[in-house]
Amino acid sequence: MDVSSRAGWITSSRSGPDNEFCVEVRMSVSVGVRDTKNRAGGALSVRTADWATFVAAAKDGRYDLSV
């Protein structure tokens, strides 16, 4: 997975005004996740099924922090 290119990477819609909380994802054979501020720093690659499970859990609020 080419982590240095911007091609195919989608920036989070909740990245904040200066991208301070930003991650990008790239859907391919697997799903890549990287930090927008450090694109050359590498990417986490996960299976699409595992990504779908994570997204469903996040939407369900399972990772929400109690403040």
Protein backbone atom coordinates (compact mmCIF):
# COMPACT_ATOMS: atom_id res chain seq x y z
CA MET A 1 0.00 0.00 0.00
CA ASP A 2 1.46 3.34 -1.08
CA VAL A 3 1.30 5.49 2.06
CA SER A 4 3.15 8.49 0.63
CA SER A 5 0.61 9.23 -2.11
CA ARG A 6 -2.65 11.10 -1.51
CA ALA A 7 -4.43 9.06 -4.20
CA GLY A 8 -7.33 7.05 -2.87
CA TRP A 9 -7.05 8.24 0.74
CA ILE A 10 -10.20 9.72 2.34
CA THR A 11 -9.83 12.33 5.09
CA SER A 12 -12.08 12.12 8.12
CA SER A 13 -14.99 14.55 8.12
CA ARG A 14 -14.35 15.16 11.84
CA SER A 15 -10.73 16.15 11.51
CA GLY A 16 -11.02 19.56 13.16
CA PRO A 17 -10.20 22.95 11.67
CA ASP A 18 -6.44 22.31 11.45
CA ASN A 19 -6.57 18.52 10.93
CA GLU A 20 -5.32 18.08 14.50
CA PHE A 21 -7.53 15.02 15.04
CA CYS A 22 -7.33 13.65 11.53
CA VAL A 23 -6.95 10.17 10.19
CA GLU A 24 -7.31 9.02 6.62
CA VAL A 25 -8.55 5.70 5.31
CA ARG A 26 -8.05 3.95 2.01
CA MET A 27 -10.28 1.15 0.87
CA SER A 28 -8.56 -1.50 -1.21
CA VAL A 29 -8.10 -5.25 -0.81
CA SER A 30 -7.54 -4.27 2.82
CA VAL A 31 -8.23 -1.00 4.63
CA GLY A 32 -5.35 1.37 5.35
CA VAL A 33 -5.46 3.90 8.19
CA ARG A 34 -2.87 6.66 8.60
CA ASP A 35 -2.28 9.96 10.38
CA THR A 36 -2.83 12.95 8.08
CA LYS A 37 -0.09 14.93 9.83
CA ASN A 38 2.45 12.16 9.18
CA ARG A 39 1.50 10.55 5.87
CA ALA A 40 4.98 9.14 5.31
CA GLY A 41 4.96 7.56 8.78
CA GLY A 42 3.26 4.41 7.58
CA ALA A 43 -0.24 3.02 7.75
CA LEU A 44 -2.09 0.41 9.70
CA SER A 45 -3.56 -2.21 7.36
CA VAL A 46 -6.58 -4.24 8.49
CA ARG A 47 -8.86 -6.75 6.81
CA THR A 48 -12.08 -5.27 5.44
CA ALA A 49 -14.20 -7.49 7.72
CA ASP A 50 -12.32 -6.26 10.79
CA TRP A 51 -12.74 -2.63 9.64
CA ALA A 52 -16.49 -3.17 9.21
CA THR A 53 -16.70 -4.58 12.74
CA PHE A 54 -14.78 -1.59 14.13
CA VAL A 55 -16.94 0.95 12.28
CA ALA A 56 -20.16 -0.72 13.46
CA ALA A 57 -18.92 -0.68 17.07
CA ALA A 58 -17.90 2.99 16.80
CA LYS A 59 -21.30 3.93 15.39
CA ASP A 60 -22.92 1.99 18.24
CA GLY A 61 -20.97 4.11 20.76
CA ARG A 62 -18.85 1.30 22.18
CA TYR A 63 -15.72 3.46 22.11
CA ASP A 64 -17.27 6.65 23.49
CA LEU A 65 -15.40 8.08 26.46
CA SER A 66 -17.16 9.09 29.64
CA VAL A 67 -16.07 12.60 30.50
